[in-house]
Amino acid sequence: MTKHGWKRCANEIEDNVRRLRHHASLALWCGNNEMEQGLVSKEWTPYSMSWEDYGRLFDQLLPKLLQKLAPQTDYWPSSPHTPVGSRSNFNDPTSGDAHIWDVWHGKKPFEFYRTCEHRFNSEFGFQSFPEPRMVAQYTAPEERNITSFVMEHHQRSGIGNQTIIHYMLDWFRFPTSFDNTLWLSQIVQGMAMKYAVEHWRRTMPRGMGTLYWQLNDCWPVASWSSLDSHGRWKALHYLAKHFNAPLLISGLEDAQAGTVQIHITSDRLTAVDGEASWQLMTVAGELLDHGHTAVTIPANQNSLVETLLLQEALAEHGPRRLLLWLTLQVAGQTISTNLVHFARPKHLELPNPQLEMQMVEEGHGRVQLTLTAHKPALFVWVESLTADVRFSDNFCHMQPGETRTITAQSTDQTPFTSGSLRVQSLFHTYQDSN
């Protein structure tokens, strides 16, 4: 690169650092995205820069200017990047950060995530469609098919729609309608991210963080986002509140061995006393066994609390007819819940959960909803048919007889009625509830 070129680089760096350095949410400066995994070579080419100039730019010039202009914020030269050994070993599981795309781009099963033990997973993702109200804004009724021209135009990944359906068929029963396909895609996306993040959190302190791709969208589209372009929360965004919570209870099942490890992961900086409990039920809601144990949860690490031996129950009832519910309580308050199943959800013999919903208006576009499930219900969500509504929780699992209260807030304080809300669950995506 010429002397003039380096001067222009320095000017651009300084302009952008001054423009961005005051943002409170700025946690890290990263020199570049994915250059070390294929855009650098021994010499300059039309598609890559030389390692010599790469080092001069990202190891010398950038950190020098950042130290001068924004010394309070850390710097990382590239992502993914390994600070130990060869930089060409960019996804080294022993050091640095990694981009894990073997599932979405490589079509590996979700179980692949549990084989990854990288130190920091800074990019991975899975796509879903926006909710039906969003899709209705850019499609005519006759275009509401996943393979229509308009639906494929609003999908900028060449493998996008096919990949969503591939994993949907792997994990779930085929949905009965176009709208249910859209909703189920969000459940698949949320489950993929949950599967990965819970595993990586269980590897603490070896693995100490994740960033999923991506937060939001700039136009109405099928994408990796957890918020659509109008700011509506997808299933993933609701689920992320739970699988990224400071205290997490999770289960690591081995259906063949008939065991479940119960883990508690803490990102808190002090130890916490609590109680971990479990209930083994049939899919019909019959309680087969239960247990609880007092736990002291160490700060900033993962703990294996208990290993359940469930061989007899699995032999008697089969993996398709069992559900294991996990609960963590602290000071008498439920902090985290989770569900373990031993077969793909598409093979679970779930009954109609007989969901009920009651609504109490609180004013200013805010209502309180009380949901009741009479049978086990997976991925229970409330849908707004008219107004833009944000729920305090959604896409949750409910035990038989459980009552759960959530709030619904119109984002523009527009009043809405119970007739404009609909409660559904995984069961309703493939089965008539009547």
Protein backbone atom coordinates (compact mmCIF):
# COMPACT_ATOMS: atom_id res chain seq x y z
CA MET A 1 0.00 0.00 0.00
CA THR A 2 1.27 3.52 -0.78
CA LYS A 3 2.08 6.20 1.78
CA HIS A 4 -1.02 8.09 0.63
CA GLY A 5 -3.11 4.95 1.12
CA TRP A 6 -1.93 4.54 4.72
CA LYS A 7 -2.72 8.18 5.41
CA ARG A 8 -6.26 7.70 4.12
CA CYS A 9 -6.66 4.62 6.35
CA ALA A 10 -5.53 6.61 9.38
CA ASN A 11 -7.95 9.44 8.58
CA GLU A 12 -10.86 7.03 8.17
CA ILE A 13 -10.04 5.27 11.44
CA GLU A 14 -9.84 8.55 13.33
CA ASP A 15 -13.10 9.87 11.86
CA ASN A 16 -15.03 6.74 12.83
CA VAL A 17 -13.53 6.36 16.29
CA ARG A 18 -14.44 9.96 17.12
CA ARG A 19 -17.94 9.35 15.74
CA LEU A 20 -18.61 6.20 17.76
CA ARG A 21 -16.49 6.30 20.91
CA HIS A 22 -19.10 8.05 23.10
CA HIS A 23 -21.70 5.27 22.77
CA ALA A 24 -22.34 3.64 26.15
CA SER A 25 -23.03 0.26 24.54
CA LEU A 26 -19.61 0.06 22.89
CA ALA A 27 -17.88 -2.88 24.56
CA LEU A 28 -15.13 -3.77 22.10
CA TRP A 29 -13.46 -2.48 18.95
CA CYS A 30 -12.98 -5.23 16.37
CA GLY A 31 -10.58 -4.61 13.51
CA ASN A 32 -12.39 -6.65 10.87
CA ASN A 33 -14.85 -9.45 10.25
CA GLU A 34 -13.64 -12.83 8.92
CA MET A 35 -10.58 -11.58 7.03
CA GLU A 36 -8.25 -14.09 8.68
CA GLN A 37 -10.32 -17.00 7.41
CA GLY A 38 -9.59 -16.38 3.75
CA LEU A 39 -9.06 -12.76 2.78
CA VAL A 40 -5.34 -12.56 3.63
CA SER A 41 -2.49 -14.27 1.77
CA LYS A 42 1.27 -14.08 1.36
CA GLU A 43 1.00 -11.41 -1.33
CA TRP A 44 -1.67 -8.97 -2.46
CA THR A 45 -4.22 -10.47 -4.87
CA PRO A 46 -7.48 -9.10 -6.34
CA TYR A 47 -9.30 -10.86 -3.48
CA SER A 48 -6.92 -10.57 -0.51
CA MET A 49 -4.36 -8.35 1.16
CA SER A 50 -0.86 -9.42 2.16
CA TRP A 51 -0.12 -10.65 5.68
CA GLU A 52 2.56 -7.95 5.93
CA ASP A 53 0.12 -5.09 5.32
CA TYR A 54 -2.57 -6.86 7.31
CA GLY A 55 -0.29 -6.81 10.36
CA ARG A 56 0.65 -3.19 9.76
CA LEU A 57 -3.02 -2.16 9.63
CA PHE A 58 -4.67 -4.34 12.28
CA ASP A 59 -1.75 -4.96 14.67
CA GLN A 60 -0.06 -1.56 14.53
CA LEU A 61 -2.04 1.35 13.07
CA LEU A 62 -5.51 0.55 14.42
CA PRO A 63 -4.52 -0.27 18.03
CA LYS A 64 -2.16 2.74 18.12
CA LEU A 65 -4.93 5.16 17.13
CA LEU A 66 -7.45 3.50 19.45
CA GLN A 67 -5.05 3.81 22.36
CA LYS A 68 -4.81 7.53 21.60
CA LEU A 69 -8.49 8.24 20.90
CA ALA A 70 -10.45 5.68 22.97
CA PRO A 71 -8.12 4.01 25.50
CA GLN A 72 -10.97 2.94 27.76
CA THR A 73 -12.27 0.29 25.32
CA ASP A 74 -10.55 -3.01 24.47
CA TYR A 75 -9.47 -3.92 20.95
CA TRP A 76 -9.58 -7.27 19.11
CA PRO A 77 -7.91 -7.46 15.67
CA SER A 78 -10.36 -9.74 13.88
CA SER A 79 -13.28 -12.07 14.38
CA PRO A 80 -12.83 -14.99 14.37
CA HIS A 81 -9.28 -14.74 15.68
CA THR A 82 -6.87 -16.88 17.67
CA PRO A 83 -4.17 -14.98 19.58
CA VAL A 84 -2.07 -18.14 19.97
CA GLY A 85 -0.33 -19.95 17.12
CA SER A 86 -1.15 -19.48 13.45
CA ARG A 87 -3.78 -16.93 12.56
CA SER A 88 -4.91 -19.14 9.70
CA ASN A 89 -6.25 -21.51 12.37
CA PHE A 90 -9.04 -19.00 12.86
CA ASN A 91 -11.59 -21.23 14.65
CA ASP A 92 -9.11 -22.79 17.06
CA PRO A 93 -11.20 -24.23 19.95
CA THR A 94 -8.37 -23.69 22.44
CA SER A 95 -8.14 -19.89 22.22
CA GLY A 96 -9.79 -16.80 20.82
CA ASP A 97 -13.26 -16.53 19.34
CA ALA A 98 -15.04 -18.66 16.75
CA HIS A 99 -17.79 -18.40 14.15
CA ILE A 100 -19.81 -21.64 14.18
CA TRP A 101 -21.83 -22.02 10.97
CA ASP A 102 -21.64 -25.81 10.61
CA VAL A 103 -25.36 -26.15 11.31
CA TRP A 104 -26.91 -23.42 9.15
CA HIS A 105 -24.43 -23.59 6.26
CA GLY A 106 -23.15 -27.13 6.79
CA LYS A 107 -26.52 -28.81 7.46
CA LYS A 108 -25.13 -30.57 10.53
CA PRO A 109 -27.74 -31.58 13.13
CA PHE A 110 -28.39 -29.45 16.20
CA GLU A 111 -26.55 -32.12 18.19
CA PHE A 112 -23.33 -30.90 16.54
CA TYR A 113 -23.37 -27.87 18.83
CA ARG A 114 -22.76 -30.15 21.80
CA THR A 115 -19.45 -31.25 20.29
CA CYS A 116 -18.14 -27.66 20.15
CA GLU A 117 -16.01 -26.49 23.05
CA HIS A 118 -14.70 -23.16 21.80
CA ARG A 119 -13.71 -20.42 24.21
CA PHE A 120 -16.04 -17.71 22.87
CA ASN A 121 -18.64 -18.26 20.16
CA SER A 122 -18.99 -14.83 18.62
CA GLU A 123 -21.13 -15.67 15.59
CA PHE A 124 -23.63 -18.41 14.81
CA GLY A 125 -27.23 -18.27 13.76
CA PHE A 126 -30.36 -19.75 12.29
CA GLN A 127 -33.12 -18.20 10.19
CA SER A 128 -36.86 -17.83 10.61
CA PHE A 129 -39.73 -16.05 8.89
CA PRO A 130 -41.45 -12.97 10.28
CA GLU A 131 -44.84 -13.46 11.91
CA PRO A 132 -47.98 -13.63 9.71
CA ARG A 133 -49.00 -9.98 10.23
CA MET A 134 -45.66 -8.85 8.85
CA VAL A 135 -45.76 -11.23 5.88
CA ALA A 136 -49.30 -10.07 5.05
CA GLN A 137 -47.91 -6.57 4.49
CA TYR A 138 -45.74 -7.63 1.55
CA THR A 139 -47.74 -10.50 0.04
CA ALA A 140 -51.09 -10.87 -1.65
CA PRO A 141 -53.18 -13.86 -0.46
CA GLU A 142 -52.22 -15.93 -3.51
CA GLU A 143 -48.50 -15.34 -2.77
CA ARG A 144 -48.61 -16.79 0.74
CA ASN A 145 -46.63 -19.89 -0.01
CA ILE A 146 -43.01 -20.45 1.01
CA THR A 147 -41.96 -21.04 -2.61
CA SER A 148 -43.80 -18.09 -4.18
CA PHE A 149 -41.76 -15.46 -6.00
CA VAL A 150 -42.44 -12.79 -3.38
CA MET A 151 -41.56 -15.06 -0.45
CA GLU A 152 -38.33 -16.10 -2.14
CA HIS A 153 -37.54 -12.46 -2.96
CA HIS A 154 -37.86 -11.63 0.74
CA GLN A 155 -35.16 -14.21 1.46
CA ARG A 156 -31.62 -13.14 0.63
CA SER A 157 -29.84 -16.37 1.58
CA GLY A 158 -29.58 -18.74 -1.37
CA ILE A 159 -30.20 -21.75 0.87
CA GLY A 160 -32.59 -19.98 3.24
CA ASN A 161 -36.10 -21.33 2.81
CA GLN A 162 -34.93 -24.85 2.00
CA THR A 163 -32.76 -24.91 5.12
CA ILE A 164 -35.56 -23.71 7.38
CA ILE A 165 -37.86 -26.45 6.07
CA HIS A 166 -35.08 -29.06 6.27
CA TYR A 167 -34.66 -28.58 10.01
CA MET A 168 -38.39 -28.08 10.55
CA LEU A 169 -39.02 -31.56 9.16
CA ASP A 170 -36.15 -32.97 11.22
CA TRP A 171 -37.60 -31.75 14.52
CA PHE A 172 -41.32 -31.04 14.11
CA ARG A 173 -44.47 -32.30 12.44
CA PHE A 174 -45.34 -30.53 9.23
CA PRO A 175 -47.61 -27.55 9.97
CA THR A 176 -51.18 -27.41 8.71
CA SER A 177 -51.17 -23.89 7.26
CA PHE A 178 -48.98 -21.13 5.87
CA ASP A 179 -49.36 -19.09 9.07
CA ASN A 180 -48.39 -22.07 11.20
CA THR A 181 -45.33 -22.59 9.00
CA LEU A 182 -44.22 -19.03 9.75
CA TRP A 183 -44.71 -19.48 13.48
CA LEU A 184 -43.08 -22.90 13.53
CA SER A 185 -40.02 -21.51 11.75
CA GLN A 186 -39.56 -19.16 14.69
CA ILE A 187 -39.81 -22.06 17.13
CA VAL A 188 -37.18 -23.98 15.14
CA GLN A 189 -34.89 -20.94 15.19
CA GLY A 190 -35.35 -20.45 18.92
CA MET A 191 -34.72 -24.11 19.62
CA ALA A 192 -31.52 -24.12 17.56
CA MET A 193 -30.11 -21.15 19.47
CA LYS A 194 -31.25 -22.54 22.83
CA TYR A 195 -29.65 -25.90 22.07
CA ALA A 196 -26.32 -24.21 21.36
CA VAL A 197 -26.24 -21.55 24.08
CA GLU A 198 -27.25 -23.88 26.89
CA HIS A 199 -24.47 -26.28 25.93
CA TRP A 200 -21.85 -23.55 25.73
CA ARG A 201 -22.93 -22.13 29.06
CA ARG A 202 -22.58 -25.59 30.59
CA THR A 203 -18.93 -25.64 29.45
CA MET A 204 -18.03 -22.72 31.74
CA PRO A 205 -15.32 -21.75 32.55
CA ARG A 206 -13.85 -23.11 29.30
CA GLY A 207 -16.50 -21.36 27.25
CA MET A 208 -17.22 -17.88 28.54
CA GLY A 209 -19.63 -16.30 26.12
CA THR A 210 -21.75 -16.29 22.98
CA LEU A 211 -23.05 -13.74 20.51
CA TYR A 212 -25.76 -14.88 18.12
CA TRP A 213 -26.27 -13.54 14.62
CA GLN A 214 -28.39 -11.40 14.49
CA LEU A 215 -30.44 -8.87 16.45
CA ASN A 216 -32.65 -7.06 13.93
CA ASP A 217 -33.55 -6.37 10.31
CA CYS A 218 -33.60 -3.32 8.04
CA TRP A 219 -36.49 -4.58 5.87
CA PRO A 220 -39.25 -7.23 6.10
CA VAL A 221 -37.48 -10.48 5.33
CA ALA A 222 -36.77 -14.04 6.41
CA SER A 223 -33.49 -13.80 8.26
CA TRP A 224 -31.33 -14.74 11.24
CA SER A 225 -32.77 -11.90 13.36
CA SER A 226 -34.60 -12.21 16.67
CA LEU A 227 -36.43 -8.89 16.07
CA ASP A 228 -38.20 -8.19 12.79
CA SER A 229 -37.88 -4.88 10.95
CA HIS A 230 -40.79 -3.41 12.94
CA GLY A 231 -39.18 -4.36 16.24
CA ARG A 232 -41.59 -7.23 16.91
CA TRP A 233 -40.09 -9.99 19.03
CA LYS A 234 -39.69 -13.37 17.38
CA ALA A 235 -39.77 -16.57 19.44
CA LEU A 236 -35.96 -16.47 19.68
CA HIS A 237 -35.97 -13.10 21.44
CA TYR A 238 -38.35 -14.39 24.11
CA LEU A 239 -36.38 -17.61 24.55
CA ALA A 240 -33.08 -15.71 24.74
CA LYS A 241 -34.35 -13.94 27.87
CA HIS A 242 -34.35 -17.35 29.55
CA PHE A 243 -31.36 -19.20 28.09
CA ASN A 244 -29.18 -16.12 28.63
CA ALA A 245 -30.51 -15.37 32.12
CA PRO A 246 -27.89 -14.89 34.88
CA LEU A 247 -29.11 -18.10 36.55
CA LEU A 248 -30.03 -21.01 34.29
CA ILE A 249 -31.15 -24.55 35.04
CA SER A 250 -30.77 -26.97 32.12
CA GLY A 251 -30.72 -30.68 31.43
CA LEU A 252 -28.31 -32.75 29.36
CA GLU A 253 -30.17 -35.88 28.32
CA ASP A 254 -28.83 -39.18 27.03
CA ALA A 255 -31.90 -41.12 25.94
CA GLN A 256 -29.89 -44.24 25.08
CA ALA A 257 -28.20 -44.37 28.48
CA GLY A 258 -31.39 -43.28 30.24
CA THR A 259 -29.74 -40.42 32.13
CA VAL A 260 -30.21 -36.68 32.54
CA GLN A 261 -27.59 -34.39 34.03
CA ILE A 262 -29.11 -31.38 35.79
CA HIS A 263 -26.88 -28.32 35.51
CA ILE A 264 -27.10 -24.85 37.01
CA THR A 265 -25.13 -22.09 35.33
CA SER A 266 -24.46 -18.79 37.06
CA ASP A 267 -23.16 -15.51 35.66
CA ARG A 268 -23.56 -13.84 39.03
CA LEU A 269 -20.49 -12.60 40.87
CA THR A 270 -21.54 -14.01 44.26
CA ALA A 271 -22.71 -17.45 45.36
CA VAL A 272 -26.46 -18.07 45.64
CA ASP A 273 -28.42 -20.58 47.74
CA GLY A 274 -31.46 -22.17 46.16
CA GLU A 275 -33.38 -25.35 45.42
CA ALA A 276 -33.36 -27.43 42.25
CA SER A 277 -36.38 -29.65 41.64
CA TRP A 278 -37.54 -32.00 38.92
CA GLN A 279 -40.74 -33.75 37.90
CA LEU A 280 -40.94 -36.69 35.52
CA MET A 281 -44.31 -36.87 33.76
CA THR A 282 -45.97 -38.66 30.93
CA VAL A 283 -47.02 -36.53 27.98
CA ALA A 284 -50.58 -36.95 29.26
CA GLY A 285 -49.61 -35.21 32.50
CA GLU A 286 -49.29 -38.18 34.89
CA LEU A 287 -46.61 -37.55 37.52
CA LEU A 288 -44.26 -40.55 37.69
CA ASP A 289 -41.45 -39.31 39.94
CA HIS A 290 -40.04 -36.13 41.40
CA GLY A 291 -37.21 -34.85 43.54
CA HIS A 292 -35.54 -31.74 44.90
CA THR A 293 -32.21 -30.79 46.39
CA ALA A 294 -30.80 -27.75 48.16
CA VAL A 295 -27.98 -26.16 46.17
CA THR A 296 -25.31 -23.57 46.74
CA ILE A 297 -24.64 -22.12 43.31
CA PRO A 298 -21.02 -20.95 42.95
CA ALA A 299 -20.35 -17.59 41.34
CA ASN A 300 -19.52 -17.35 37.65
CA GLN A 301 -19.42 -21.03 36.76
CA ASN A 302 -21.47 -24.09 35.86
CA SER A 303 -22.34 -26.81 38.37
CA LEU A 304 -23.52 -30.36 37.81
CA VAL A 305 -26.19 -30.69 40.48
CA GLU A 306 -27.46 -34.23 39.97
CA THR A 307 -27.57 -37.07 37.45
CA LEU A 308 -30.97 -38.73 37.17
CA LEU A 309 -31.17 -42.43 36.32
CA LEU A 310 -34.37 -42.89 34.33
CA GLN A 311 -33.76 -46.22 32.60
CA GLU A 312 -36.79 -47.93 34.15
CA ALA A 313 -39.20 -45.14 33.25
CA LEU A 314 -37.88 -44.96 29.70
CA ALA A 315 -38.15 -48.73 29.31
CA GLU A 316 -41.72 -48.76 30.61
CA HIS A 317 -43.13 -45.68 28.89
CA GLY A 318 -40.75 -45.06 25.98
CA PRO A 319 -38.98 -41.81 25.06
CA ARG A 320 -41.98 -40.50 23.10
CA ARG A 321 -44.20 -40.43 26.18
CA LEU A 322 -41.98 -38.76 28.79
CA LEU A 323 -41.24 -35.16 29.76
CA LEU A 324 -38.88 -33.94 32.48
CA TRP A 325 -39.61 -30.54 34.02
CA LEU A 326 -36.81 -28.65 35.80
CA THR A 327 -37.19 -25.73 38.24
CA LEU A 328 -34.70 -23.53 40.09
CA GLN A 329 -35.95 -21.48 43.02
CA VAL A 330 -34.08 -18.85 45.02
CA ALA A 331 -35.64 -17.41 48.19
CA GLY A 332 -38.91 -19.11 47.31
CA GLN A 333 -39.10 -17.46 43.88
CA THR A 334 -38.91 -19.39 40.61
CA ILE A 335 -35.82 -18.08 38.82
CA SER A 336 -35.42 -20.55 35.95
CA THR A 337 -37.41 -23.41 34.44
CA ASN A 338 -36.65 -25.84 31.64
CA LEU A 339 -37.98 -28.88 29.85
CA VAL A 340 -36.17 -32.04 28.75
CA HIS A 341 -37.68 -34.39 26.18
CA PHE A 342 -36.19 -37.69 25.07
CA ALA A 343 -37.47 -37.76 21.48
CA ARG A 344 -37.87 -35.23 18.71
CA PRO A 345 -40.95 -33.05 19.39
CA LYS A 346 -42.49 -34.38 16.17
CA HIS A 347 -42.59 -37.85 17.75
CA LEU A 348 -44.00 -36.82 21.13
CA GLU A 349 -47.56 -38.02 21.64
CA LEU A 350 -48.84 -34.70 22.94
CA PRO A 351 -52.54 -34.35 23.78
CA ASN A 352 -54.61 -31.23 23.23
CA PRO A 353 -53.39 -28.96 26.05
CA GLN A 354 -56.86 -27.35 26.37
CA LEU A 355 -55.47 -23.85 26.77
CA GLU A 356 -57.54 -21.08 28.30
CA MET A 357 -56.91 -17.33 28.41
CA GLN A 358 -58.49 -14.63 30.58
CA MET A 359 -57.83 -10.92 30.16
CA VAL A 360 -57.98 -7.98 32.58
CA GLU A 361 -57.55 -4.48 31.17
CA GLU A 362 -55.12 -2.21 33.02
CA GLY A 363 -55.46 0.84 30.77
CA HIS A 364 -53.14 2.69 28.39
CA GLY A 365 -53.01 -0.24 25.99
CA ARG A 366 -51.88 -2.68 28.68
CA VAL A 367 -53.67 -5.89 29.72
CA GLN A 368 -52.96 -8.77 32.07
CA LEU A 369 -53.39 -12.24 30.60
CA THR A 370 -53.86 -15.39 32.65
CA LEU A 371 -53.08 -18.57 30.73
CA THR A 372 -54.09 -22.04 31.90
CA ALA A 373 -53.01 -25.39 30.47
CA HIS A 374 -54.94 -28.53 31.41
CA LYS A 375 -52.40 -30.84 29.76
CA PRO A 376 -48.67 -30.43 29.05
CA ALA A 377 -48.22 -27.62 26.54
CA LEU A 378 -45.02 -26.87 24.62
CA PHE A 379 -44.16 -23.46 23.18
CA VAL A 380 -47.30 -21.67 24.30
CA TRP A 381 -47.60 -18.27 22.68
CA VAL A 382 -50.14 -15.47 22.44
CA GLU A 383 -50.60 -13.86 19.05
CA SER A 384 -52.01 -10.39 18.45
CA LEU A 385 -54.19 -10.35 15.35
CA THR A 386 -54.52 -6.56 15.09
CA ALA A 387 -52.29 -4.33 17.23
CA ASP A 388 -48.52 -4.40 17.69
CA VAL A 389 -48.11 -5.94 21.14
CA ARG A 390 -45.12 -6.81 23.28
CA PHE A 391 -45.62 -9.58 25.82
CA SER A 392 -43.71 -9.95 29.08
CA ASP A 393 -43.15 -13.60 28.13
CA ASN A 394 -44.11 -15.87 25.27
CA PHE A 395 -43.32 -19.26 23.72
CA CYS A 396 -43.15 -20.90 27.15
CA HIS A 397 -43.74 -24.49 28.25
CA MET A 398 -46.60 -25.12 30.68
CA GLN A 399 -47.18 -28.07 32.97
CA PRO A 400 -50.66 -29.59 33.33
CA GLY A 401 -52.79 -27.49 35.65
CA GLU A 402 -50.34 -24.59 35.52
CA THR A 403 -51.61 -21.02 35.48
CA ARG A 404 -49.27 -18.33 34.18
CA THR A 405 -49.81 -14.58 34.17
CA ILE A 406 -48.18 -12.35 31.56
CA THR A 407 -48.70 -8.75 30.52
CA ALA A 408 -49.38 -7.49 27.03
CA GLN A 409 -48.54 -3.91 26.12
CA SER A 410 -49.58 -2.21 22.91
CA THR A 411 -46.45 -0.52 21.59
CA ASP A 412 -48.48 2.56 20.59
CA GLN A 413 -50.97 2.30 23.52
CA THR A 414 -53.77 1.34 21.12
CA PRO A 415 -56.54 -0.50 23.04
CA PHE A 416 -57.20 -4.09 22.06
CA THR A 417 -59.68 -6.77 23.10
CA SER A 418 -59.52 -10.45 23.96
CA GLY A 419 -60.99 -11.13 20.54
CA SER A 420 -57.84 -9.74 18.94
CA LEU A 421 -55.61 -12.16 20.86
CA ARG A 422 -55.17 -15.87 20.24
CA VAL A 423 -53.32 -18.42 22.37
CA GLN A 424 -51.67 -21.40 20.67
CA SER A 425 -49.02 -24.03 21.27
CA LEU A 426 -46.90 -26.49 19.34
CA PHE A 427 -49.85 -28.88 19.27
CA HIS A 428 -51.92 -26.32 17.36
CA THR A 429 -49.39 -26.02 14.54
CA TYR A 430 -50.18 -29.52 13.29
CA GLN A 431 -53.45 -30.61 14.91
CA ASP A 432 -56.99 -29.26 14.95
CA SER A 433 -57.71 -28.36 18.58
CA ASN A 434 -61.44 -29.08 18.31
